[in-house]
Amino acid sequence: MNDFGSRAARWTAVKWPAIRARGMWHFVLLKGVGFWGGLMLAFMAIAMTLQLGPWHPRLPLVLAIAVPLCAIGGLIWGLLTWTFNERIFHALQQQKKNLP
């Protein structure tokens, strides 16, 4: 049955089993740290370079601090996203079991 309520529920029902099969840490490291953390780092690098100027003596320090902070942010985002998608997935599986 593909008649799920929200777009998120439909996405989770269709796409999540394949993502889930690769494992939590694959998702967290690739999508969370790599993708989300990488995008945040790129945004921070551009914003700080524009704010301070490319030759500012503290720019390397600011960027060096941004790297672990963005990685930690990506890790948290990945873990939270995994957790929420797992809850939706299990709720959908339970709904499917309870249908007549």
PDB file of N, CA and C in Angstrom:
ATOM      1  N   MET A   1       0.846  -1.177   0.000  1.00  0.00           N
ATOM      2  CA  MET A   1       0.000   0.000   0.000  1.00  0.00           C
ATOM      3  C   MET A   1       0.892   1.242   0.000  1.00  0.00           C
ATOM      4  N   ASN A   2       0.714   2.148  -0.948  1.00  0.00           N
ATOM      5  CA  ASN A   2       1.528   3.349  -1.052  1.00  0.00           C
ATOM      6  C   ASN A   2       0.769   4.607  -0.693  1.00  0.00           C
ATOM      7  N   ASP A   3      -0.309   4.486   0.030  1.00  0.00           N
ATOM      8  CA  ASP A   3      -1.113   5.652   0.376  1.00  0.00           C
ATOM      9  C   ASP A   3      -0.740   6.123   1.777  1.00  0.00           C
ATOM     10  N   PHE A   4       0.409   6.804   1.875  1.00  0.00           N
ATOM     11  CA  PHE A   4       0.870   7.320   3.151  1.00  0.00           C
ATOM     12  C   PHE A   4       0.503   8.783   3.222  1.00  0.00           C
ATOM     13  N   GLY A   5       0.322   9.291   4.456  1.00  0.00           N
ATOM     14  CA  GLY A   5      -0.170  10.647   4.663  1.00  0.00           C
ATOM     15  C   GLY A   5       0.724  11.750   4.124  1.00  0.00           C
ATOM     16  N   SER A   6       1.881  11.924   4.697  1.00  0.00           N
ATOM     17  CA  SER A   6       2.731  13.053   4.340  1.00  0.00           C
ATOM     18  C   SER A   6       3.780  12.652   3.312  1.00  0.00           C
ATOM     19  N   ARG A   7       4.394  13.664   2.754  1.00  0.00           N
ATOM     20  CA  ARG A   7       5.472  13.423   1.793  1.00  0.00           C
ATOM     21  C   ARG A   7       6.638  12.723   2.481  1.00  0.00           C
ATOM     22  N   ALA A   8       6.921  13.122   3.739  1.00  0.00           N
ATOM     23  CA  ALA A   8       7.996  12.487   4.501  1.00  0.00           C
ATOM     24  C   ALA A   8       7.697  11.010   4.732  1.00  0.00           C
ATOM     25  N   ALA A   9       6.458  10.698   5.022  1.00  0.00           N
ATOM     26  CA  ALA A   9       6.083   9.296   5.241  1.00  0.00           C
ATOM     27  C   ALA A   9       6.219   8.492   3.953  1.00  0.00           C
ATOM     28  N   ARG A  10       5.803   9.072   2.833  1.00  0.00           N
ATOM     29  CA  ARG A  10       5.957   8.374   1.540  1.00  0.00           C
ATOM     30  C   ARG A  10       7.428   8.145   1.233  1.00  0.00           C
ATOM     31  N   TRP A  11       8.264   9.187   1.442  1.00  0.00           N
ATOM     32  CA  TRP A  11       9.692   9.070   1.182  1.00  0.00           C
ATOM     33  C   TRP A  11      10.296   7.978   2.054  1.00  0.00           C
ATOM     34  N   THR A  12       9.929   7.988   3.328  1.00  0.00           N
ATOM     35  CA  THR A  12      10.478   7.004   4.258  1.00  0.00           C
ATOM     36  C   THR A  12      10.061   5.590   3.867  1.00  0.00           C
ATOM     37  N   ALA A  13       8.827   5.420   3.457  1.00  0.00           N
ATOM     38  CA  ALA A  13       8.338   4.087   3.080  1.00  0.00           C
ATOM     39  C   ALA A  13       9.051   3.561   1.840  1.00  0.00           C
ATOM     40  N   VAL A  14       9.358   4.446   0.901  1.00  0.00           N
ATOM     41  CA  VAL A  14       9.932   4.010  -0.375  1.00  0.00           C
ATOM     42  C   VAL A  14      11.461   3.966  -0.333  1.00  0.00           C
ATOM     43  N   LYS A  15      12.089   5.009   0.138  1.00  0.00           N
ATOM     44  CA  LYS A  15      13.550   5.135   0.054  1.00  0.00           C
ATOM     45  C   LYS A  15      14.303   4.605   1.275  1.00  0.00           C
ATOM     46  N   TRP A  16      13.693   4.707   2.438  1.00  0.00           N
ATOM     47  CA  TRP A  16      14.423   4.396   3.666  1.00  0.00           C
ATOM     48  C   TRP A  16      14.921   2.961   3.755  1.00  0.00           C
ATOM     49  N   PRO A  17      14.185   1.939   3.300  1.00  0.00           N
ATOM     50  CA  PRO A  17      14.716   0.570   3.429  1.00  0.00           C
ATOM     51  C   PRO A  17      16.090   0.379   2.770  1.00  0.00           C
ATOM     52  N   ALA A  18      16.313   0.985   1.612  1.00  0.00           N
ATOM     53  CA  ALA A  18      17.613   0.851   0.942  1.00  0.00           C
ATOM     54  C   ALA A  18      18.707   1.606   1.697  1.00  0.00           C
ATOM     55  N   ILE A  19      18.371   2.787   2.184  1.00  0.00           N
ATOM     56  CA  ILE A  19      19.340   3.574   2.958  1.00  0.00           C
ATOM     57  C   ILE A  19      19.659   2.853   4.260  1.00  0.00           C
ATOM     58  N   ARG A  20      18.630   2.336   4.875  1.00  0.00           N
ATOM     59  CA  ARG A  20      18.743   1.637   6.153  1.00  0.00           C
ATOM     60  C   ARG A  20      19.621   0.387   6.027  1.00  0.00           C
ATOM     61  N   ALA A  21      19.539  -0.269   4.889  1.00  0.00           N
ATOM     62  CA  ALA A  21      20.304  -1.497   4.671  1.00  0.00           C
ATOM     63  C   ALA A  21      21.813  -1.245   4.696  1.00  0.00           C
ATOM     64  N   ARG A  22      22.231  -0.036   4.342  1.00  0.00           N
ATOM     65  CA  ARG A  22      23.665   0.285   4.360  1.00  0.00           C
ATOM     66  C   ARG A  22      24.193   0.549   5.763  1.00  0.00           C
ATOM     67  N   GLY A  23      23.316   0.812   6.683  1.00  0.00           N
ATOM     68  CA  GLY A  23      23.725   0.984   8.074  1.00  0.00           C
ATOM     69  C   GLY A  23      23.707   2.429   8.540  1.00  0.00           C
ATOM     70  N   MET A  24      23.557   2.561   9.850  1.00  0.00           N
ATOM     71  CA  MET A  24      23.455   3.888  10.452  1.00  0.00           C
ATOM     72  C   MET A  24      24.729   4.699  10.257  1.00  0.00           C
ATOM     73  N   TRP A  25      25.884   4.108  10.513  1.00  0.00           N
ATOM     74  CA  TRP A  25      27.118   4.901  10.449  1.00  0.00           C
ATOM     75  C   TRP A  25      27.455   5.320   9.033  1.00  0.00           C
ATOM     76  N   HIS A  26      27.105   4.507   8.065  1.00  0.00           N
ATOM     77  CA  HIS A  26      27.295   4.912   6.667  1.00  0.00           C
ATOM     78  C   HIS A  26      26.478   6.168   6.387  1.00  0.00           C
ATOM     79  N   PHE A  27      25.238   6.170   6.812  1.00  0.00           N
ATOM     80  CA  PHE A  27      24.363   7.325   6.612  1.00  0.00           C
ATOM     81  C   PHE A  27      24.884   8.543   7.373  1.00  0.00           C
ATOM     82  N   VAL A  28      25.192   8.351   8.654  1.00  0.00           N
ATOM     83  CA  VAL A  28      25.621   9.474   9.494  1.00  0.00           C
ATOM     84  C   VAL A  28      26.912  10.088   8.957  1.00  0.00           C
ATOM     85  N   LEU A  29      27.869   9.264   8.600  1.00  0.00           N
ATOM     86  CA  LEU A  29      29.148   9.800   8.128  1.00  0.00           C
ATOM     87  C   LEU A  29      29.047  10.398   6.725  1.00  0.00           C
ATOM     88  N   LEU A  30      28.324   9.730   5.834  1.00  0.00           N
ATOM     89  CA  LEU A  30      28.227  10.222   4.461  1.00  0.00           C
ATOM     90  C   LEU A  30      27.294  11.417   4.347  1.00  0.00           C
ATOM     91  N   LYS A  31      26.063  11.253   4.804  1.00  0.00           N
ATOM     92  CA  LYS A  31      25.065  12.321   4.655  1.00  0.00           C
ATOM     93  C   LYS A  31      25.208  13.400   5.711  1.00  0.00           C
ATOM     94  N   GLY A  32      25.500  12.998   6.946  1.00  0.00           N
ATOM     95  CA  GLY A  32      25.592  13.961   8.029  1.00  0.00           C
ATOM     96  C   GLY A  32      26.892  14.741   8.012  1.00  0.00           C
ATOM     97  N   VAL A  33      27.994  14.035   8.271  1.00  0.00           N
ATOM     98  CA  VAL A  33      29.286  14.703   8.368  1.00  0.00           C
ATOM     99  C   VAL A  33      29.764  15.165   6.993  1.00  0.00           C
ATOM    100  N   GLY A  34      29.715  14.274   6.012  1.00  0.00           N
ATOM    101  CA  GLY A  34      30.229  14.625   4.684  1.00  0.00           C
ATOM    102  C   GLY A  34      29.403  15.663   3.963  1.00  0.00           C
ATOM    103  N   PHE A  35      28.116  15.406   3.820  1.00  0.00           N
ATOM    104  CA  PHE A  35      27.270  16.304   3.028  1.00  0.00           C
ATOM    105  C   PHE A  35      26.858  17.545   3.810  1.00  0.00           C
ATOM    106  N   TRP A  36      26.145  17.340   4.925  1.00  0.00           N
ATOM    107  CA  TRP A  36      25.631  18.488   5.682  1.00  0.00           C
ATOM    108  C   TRP A  36      26.768  19.276   6.317  1.00  0.00           C
ATOM    109  N   GLY A  37      27.693  18.582   6.964  1.00  0.00           N
ATOM    110  CA  GLY A  37      28.844  19.259   7.572  1.00  0.00           C
ATOM    111  C   GLY A  37      29.709  19.945   6.522  1.00  0.00           C
ATOM    112  N   GLY A  38      29.866  19.305   5.372  1.00  0.00           N
ATOM    113  CA  GLY A  38      30.647  19.904   4.279  1.00  0.00           C
ATOM    114  C   GLY A  38      30.000  21.158   3.722  1.00  0.00           C
ATOM    115  N   LEU A  39      28.680  21.121   3.561  1.00  0.00           N
ATOM    116  CA  LEU A  39      27.974  22.323   3.088  1.00  0.00           C
ATOM    117  C   LEU A  39      28.099  23.464   4.091  1.00  0.00           C
ATOM    118  N   MET A  40      27.967  23.141   5.366  1.00  0.00           N
ATOM    119  CA  MET A  40      28.099  24.170   6.395  1.00  0.00           C
ATOM    120  C   MET A  40      29.512  24.744   6.419  1.00  0.00           C
ATOM    121  N   LEU A  41      30.506  23.895   6.249  1.00  0.00           N
ATOM    122  CA  LEU A  41      31.886  24.368   6.218  1.00  0.00           C
ATOM    123  C   LEU A  41      32.118  25.275   5.018  1.00  0.00           C
ATOM    124  N   ALA A  42      31.610  24.889   3.861  1.00  0.00           N
ATOM    125  CA  ALA A  42      31.758  25.732   2.665  1.00  0.00           C
ATOM    126  C   ALA A  42      31.078  27.081   2.870  1.00  0.00           C
ATOM    127  N   PHE A  43      29.865  27.068   3.438  1.00  0.00           N
ATOM    128  CA  PHE A  43      29.153  28.318   3.714  1.00  0.00           C
ATOM    129  C   PHE A  43      29.938  29.183   4.693  1.00  0.00           C
ATOM    130  N   MET A  44      30.437  28.570   5.766  1.00  0.00           N
ATOM    131  CA  MET A  44      31.210  29.313   6.764  1.00  0.00           C
ATOM    132  C   MET A  44      32.492  29.880   6.160  1.00  0.00           C
ATOM    133  N   ALA A  45      33.166  29.103   5.345  1.00  0.00           N
ATOM    134  CA  ALA A  45      34.415  29.567   4.731  1.00  0.00           C
ATOM    135  C   ALA A  45      34.150  30.767   3.821  1.00  0.00           C
ATOM    136  N   ILE A  46      33.109  30.680   3.027  1.00  0.00           N
ATOM    137  CA  ILE A  46      32.775  31.796   2.136  1.00  0.00           C
ATOM    138  C   ILE A  46      32.360  33.022   2.948  1.00  0.00           C
ATOM    139  N   ALA A  47      31.497  32.819   3.935  1.00  0.00           N
ATOM    140  CA  ALA A  47      31.018  33.942   4.742  1.00  0.00           C
ATOM    141  C   ALA A  47      32.176  34.610   5.506  1.00  0.00           C
ATOM    142  N   MET A  48      33.037  33.815   6.104  1.00  0.00           N
ATOM    143  CA  MET A  48      34.149  34.389   6.872  1.00  0.00           C
ATOM    144  C   MET A  48      35.182  35.048   5.964  1.00  0.00           C
ATOM    145  N   THR A  49      35.409  34.495   4.797  1.00  0.00           N
ATOM    146  CA  THR A  49      36.334  35.113   3.855  1.00  0.00           C
ATOM    147  C   THR A  49      35.785  36.451   3.381  1.00  0.00           C
ATOM    148  N   LEU A  50      34.487  36.517   3.101  1.00  0.00           N
ATOM    149  CA  LEU A  50      33.880  37.783   2.694  1.00  0.00           C
ATOM    150  C   LEU A  50      33.861  38.784   3.847  1.00  0.00           C
ATOM    151  N   GLN A  51      33.624  38.308   5.054  1.00  0.00           N
ATOM    152  CA  GLN A  51      33.549  39.188   6.229  1.00  0.00           C
ATOM    153  C   GLN A  51      34.922  39.732   6.602  1.00  0.00           C
ATOM    154  N   LEU A  52      35.914  38.847   6.699  1.00  0.00           N
ATOM    155  CA  LEU A  52      37.236  39.261   7.164  1.00  0.00           C
ATOM    156  C   LEU A  52      38.172  39.691   6.038  1.00  0.00           C
ATOM    157  N   GLY A  53      37.939  39.165   4.857  1.00  0.00           N
ATOM    158  CA  GLY A  53      38.854  39.395   3.746  1.00  0.00           C
ATOM    159  C   GLY A  53      39.811  38.219   3.632  1.00  0.00           C
ATOM    160  N   PRO A  54      40.216  37.905   2.426  1.00  0.00           N
ATOM    161  CA  PRO A  54      41.033  36.697   2.225  1.00  0.00           C
ATOM    162  C   PRO A  54      42.426  36.771   2.850  1.00  0.00           C
ATOM    163  N   TRP A  55      42.911  37.941   3.158  1.00  0.00           N
ATOM    164  CA  TRP A  55      44.275  38.068   3.685  1.00  0.00           C
ATOM    165  C   TRP A  55      44.293  38.369   5.184  1.00  0.00           C
ATOM    166  N   HIS A  56      43.156  38.272   5.843  1.00  0.00           N
ATOM    167  CA  HIS A  56      43.105  38.552   7.282  1.00  0.00           C
ATOM    168  C   HIS A  56      43.936  37.499   8.019  1.00  0.00           C
ATOM    169  N   PRO A  57      44.784  37.933   8.972  1.00  0.00           N
ATOM    170  CA  PRO A  57      45.674  36.968   9.648  1.00  0.00           C
ATOM    171  C   PRO A  57      44.943  35.921  10.495  1.00  0.00           C
ATOM    172  N   ARG A  58      43.719  36.199  10.914  1.00  0.00           N
ATOM    173  CA  ARG A  58      42.999  35.222  11.747  1.00  0.00           C
ATOM    174  C   ARG A  58      42.078  34.302  10.943  1.00  0.00           C
ATOM    175  N   LEU A  59      41.969  34.505   9.650  1.00  0.00           N
ATOM    176  CA  LEU A  59      41.088  33.660   8.832  1.00  0.00           C
ATOM    177  C   LEU A  59      41.446  32.178   8.947  1.00  0.00           C
ATOM    178  N   PRO A  60      42.721  31.786   8.865  1.00  0.00           N
ATOM    179  CA  PRO A  60      43.024  30.351   9.015  1.00  0.00           C
ATOM    180  C   PRO A  60      42.584  29.784  10.370  1.00  0.00           C
ATOM    181  N   LEU A  61      42.720  30.567  11.433  1.00  0.00           N
ATOM    182  CA  LEU A  61      42.290  30.108  12.753  1.00  0.00           C
ATOM    183  C   LEU A  61      40.774  29.926  12.799  1.00  0.00           C
ATOM    184  N   VAL A  62      40.052  30.889  12.248  1.00  0.00           N
ATOM    185  CA  VAL A  62      38.586  30.799  12.215  1.00  0.00           C
ATOM    186  C   VAL A  62      38.153  29.565  11.426  1.00  0.00           C
ATOM    187  N   LEU A  63      38.788  29.332  10.291  1.00  0.00           N
ATOM    188  CA  LEU A  63      38.436  28.164   9.473  1.00  0.00           C
ATOM    189  C   LEU A  63      38.836  26.860  10.161  1.00  0.00           C
ATOM    190  N   ALA A  64      39.957  26.877  10.881  1.00  0.00           N
ATOM    191  CA  ALA A  64      40.383  25.675  11.612  1.00  0.00           C
ATOM    192  C   ALA A  64      39.401  25.335  12.727  1.00  0.00           C
ATOM    193  N   ILE A  65      38.810  26.344  13.330  1.00  0.00           N
ATOM    194  CA  ILE A  65      37.793  26.106  14.362  1.00  0.00           C
ATOM    195  C   ILE A  65      36.486  25.642  13.719  1.00  0.00           C
ATOM    196  N   ALA A  66      36.175  26.146  12.528  1.00  0.00           N
ATOM    197  CA  ALA A  66      34.929  25.792  11.848  1.00  0.00           C
ATOM    198  C   ALA A  66      34.903  24.323  11.417  1.00  0.00           C
ATOM    199  N   VAL A  67      36.053  23.763  11.087  1.00  0.00           N
ATOM    200  CA  VAL A  67      36.093  22.375  10.597  1.00  0.00           C
ATOM    201  C   VAL A  67      35.524  21.389  11.636  1.00  0.00           C
ATOM    202  N   PRO A  68      36.053  21.351  12.860  1.00  0.00           N
ATOM    203  CA  PRO A  68      35.460  20.385  13.806  1.00  0.00           C
ATOM    204  C   PRO A  68      34.033  20.742  14.215  1.00  0.00           C
ATOM    205  N   LEU A  69      33.731  22.046  14.292  1.00  0.00           N
ATOM    206  CA  LEU A  69      32.362  22.417  14.655  1.00  0.00           C
ATOM    207  C   LEU A  69      31.367  21.961  13.599  1.00  0.00           C
ATOM    208  N   CYS A  70      31.702  22.114  12.336  1.00  0.00           N
ATOM    209  CA  CYS A  70      30.811  21.667  11.258  1.00  0.00           C
ATOM    210  C   CYS A  70      30.722  20.146  11.222  1.00  0.00           C
ATOM    211  N   ALA A  71      31.817  19.465  11.507  1.00  0.00           N
ATOM    212  CA  ALA A  71      31.790  18.000  11.556  1.00  0.00           C
ATOM    213  C   ALA A  71      30.892  17.522  12.696  1.00  0.00           C
ATOM    214  N   ILE A  72      30.999  18.156  13.864  1.00  0.00           N
ATOM    215  CA  ILE A  72      30.145  17.795  14.997  1.00  0.00           C
ATOM    216  C   ILE A  72      28.684  18.097  14.670  1.00  0.00           C
ATOM    217  N   GLY A  73      28.430  19.250  14.058  1.00  0.00           N
ATOM    218  CA  GLY A  73      27.069  19.586  13.636  1.00  0.00           C
ATOM    219  C   GLY A  73      26.520  18.572  12.653  1.00  0.00           C
ATOM    220  N   GLY A  74      27.340  18.140  11.707  1.00  0.00           N
ATOM    221  CA  GLY A  74      26.921  17.126  10.744  1.00  0.00           C
ATOM    222  C   GLY A  74      26.653  15.785  11.404  1.00  0.00           C
ATOM    223  N   LEU A  75      27.477  15.440  12.378  1.00  0.00           N
ATOM    224  CA  LEU A  75      27.271  14.199  13.124  1.00  0.00           C
ATOM    225  C   LEU A  75      25.933  14.235  13.855  1.00  0.00           C
ATOM    226  N   ILE A  76      25.656  15.339  14.529  1.00  0.00           N
ATOM    227  CA  ILE A  76      24.391  15.484  15.250  1.00  0.00           C
ATOM    228  C   ILE A  76      23.210  15.450  14.284  1.00  0.00           C
ATOM    229  N   TRP A  77      23.331  16.176  13.162  1.00  0.00           N
ATOM    230  CA  TRP A  77      22.259  16.186  12.158  1.00  0.00           C
ATOM    231  C   TRP A  77      22.010  14.773  11.637  1.00  0.00           C
ATOM    232  N   GLY A  78      23.076  14.044  11.333  1.00  0.00           N
ATOM    233  CA  GLY A  78      22.939  12.683  10.823  1.00  0.00           C
ATOM    234  C   GLY A  78      22.273  11.755  11.820  1.00  0.00           C
ATOM    235  N   LEU A  79      22.684  11.844  13.086  1.00  0.00           N
ATOM    236  CA  LEU A  79      22.085  10.991  14.117  1.00  0.00           C
ATOM    237  C   LEU A  79      20.612  11.319  14.338  1.00  0.00           C
ATOM    238  N   LEU A  80      20.290  12.608  14.384  1.00  0.00           N
ATOM    239  CA  LEU A  80      18.886  12.996  14.562  1.00  0.00           C
ATOM    240  C   LEU A  80      18.033  12.579  13.368  1.00  0.00           C
ATOM    241  N   THR A  81      18.542  12.781  12.174  1.00  0.00           N
ATOM    242  CA  THR A  81      17.803  12.401  10.974  1.00  0.00           C
ATOM    243  C   THR A  81      17.574  10.899  10.940  1.00  0.00           C
ATOM    244  N   TRP A  82      18.608  10.131  11.280  1.00  0.00           N
ATOM    245  CA  TRP A  82      18.470   8.672  11.337  1.00  0.00           C
ATOM    246  C   TRP A  82      17.389   8.283  12.338  1.00  0.00           C
ATOM    247  N   THR A  83      17.445   8.874  13.518  1.00  0.00           N
ATOM    248  CA  THR A  83      16.489   8.544  14.580  1.00  0.00           C
ATOM    249  C   THR A  83      15.060   8.855  14.164  1.00  0.00           C
ATOM    250  N   PHE A  84      14.835  10.046  13.611  1.00  0.00           N
ATOM    251  CA  PHE A  84      13.482  10.422  13.195  1.00  0.00           C
ATOM    252  C   PHE A  84      12.975   9.536  12.057  1.00  0.00           C
ATOM    253  N   ASN A  85      13.832   9.228  11.089  1.00  0.00           N
ATOM    254  CA  ASN A  85      13.413   8.364   9.983  1.00  0.00           C
ATOM    255  C   ASN A  85      13.127   6.941  10.463  1.00  0.00           C
ATOM    256  N   GLU A  86      13.896   6.480  11.424  1.00  0.00           N
ATOM    257  CA  GLU A  86      13.630   5.157  11.993  1.00  0.00           C
ATOM    258  C   GLU A  86      12.275   5.131  12.689  1.00  0.00           C
ATOM    259  N   ARG A  87      11.953   6.172  13.429  1.00  0.00           N
ATOM    260  CA  ARG A  87      10.651   6.230  14.103  1.00  0.00           C
ATOM    261  C   ARG A  87       9.509   6.226  13.096  1.00  0.00           C
ATOM    262  N   ILE A  88       9.649   7.024  12.048  1.00  0.00           N
ATOM    263  CA  ILE A  88       8.611   7.064  11.002  1.00  0.00           C
ATOM    264  C   ILE A  88       8.494   5.696  10.337  1.00  0.00           C
ATOM    265  N   PHE A  89       9.632   5.085  10.000  1.00  0.00           N
ATOM    266  CA  PHE A  89       9.654   3.791   9.334  1.00  0.00           C
ATOM    267  C   PHE A  89       8.967   2.723  10.189  1.00  0.00           C
ATOM    268  N   HIS A  90       9.298   2.681  11.481  1.00  0.00           N
ATOM    269  CA  HIS A  90       8.690   1.677  12.356  1.00  0.00           C
ATOM    270  C   HIS A  90       7.194   1.927  12.541  1.00  0.00           C
ATOM    271  N   ALA A  91       6.789   3.187  12.610  1.00  0.00           N
ATOM    272  CA  ALA A  91       5.363   3.508  12.714  1.00  0.00           C
ATOM    273  C   ALA A  91       4.621   3.069  11.453  1.00  0.00           C
ATOM    274  N   LEU A  92       5.233   3.274  10.295  1.00  0.00           N
ATOM    275  CA  LEU A  92       4.608   2.839   9.043  1.00  0.00           C
ATOM    276  C   LEU A  92       4.523   1.324   8.963  1.00  0.00           C
ATOM    277  N   GLN A  93       5.566   0.638   9.433  1.00  0.00           N
ATOM    278  CA  GLN A  93       5.551  -0.824   9.446  1.00  0.00           C
ATOM    279  C   GLN A  93       4.440  -1.333  10.369  1.00  0.00           C
ATOM    280  N   GLN A  94       4.269  -0.672  11.506  1.00  0.00           N
ATOM    281  CA  GLN A  94       3.217  -1.052  12.460  1.00  0.00           C
ATOM    282  C   GLN A  94       1.845  -0.819  11.835  1.00  0.00           C
ATOM    283  N   GLN A  95       1.683   0.313  11.148  1.00  0.00           N
ATOM    284  CA  GLN A  95       0.408   0.608  10.471  1.00  0.00           C
ATOM    285  C   GLN A  95       0.096  -0.466   9.439  1.00  0.00           C
ATOM    286  N   LYS A  96       1.106  -0.851   8.697  1.00  0.00           N
ATOM    287  CA  LYS A  96       0.935  -1.863   7.643  1.00  0.00           C
ATOM    288  C   LYS A  96       0.485  -3.194   8.239  1.00  0.00           C
ATOM    289  N   LYS A  97       1.034  -3.539   9.404  1.00  0.00           N
ATOM    290  CA  LYS A  97       0.659  -4.791  10.085  1.00  0.00           C
ATOM    291  C   LYS A  97      -0.790  -4.749  10.574  1.00  0.00           C
ATOM    292  N   ASN A  98      -1.238  -3.582  10.998  1.00  0.00           N
ATOM    293  CA  ASN A  98      -2.571  -3.444  11.595  1.00  0.00           C
ATOM    294  C   ASN A  98      -3.682  -3.283  10.555  1.00  0.00           C
ATOM    295  N   LEU A  99      -3.334  -3.145   9.280  1.00  0.00           N
ATOM    296  CA  LEU A  99      -4.370  -3.018   8.257  1.00  0.00           C
ATOM    297  C   LEU A  99      -5.065  -4.357   8.047  1.00  0.00           C
ATOM    298  N   PRO A 100      -6.376  -4.320   7.812  1.00  0.00           N
ATOM    299  CA  PRO A 100      -7.113  -5.582   7.630  1.00  0.00           C
ATOM    300  C   PRO A 100      -6.767  -6.263   6.326  1.00  0.00           C
TER     301      PRO A 100
END
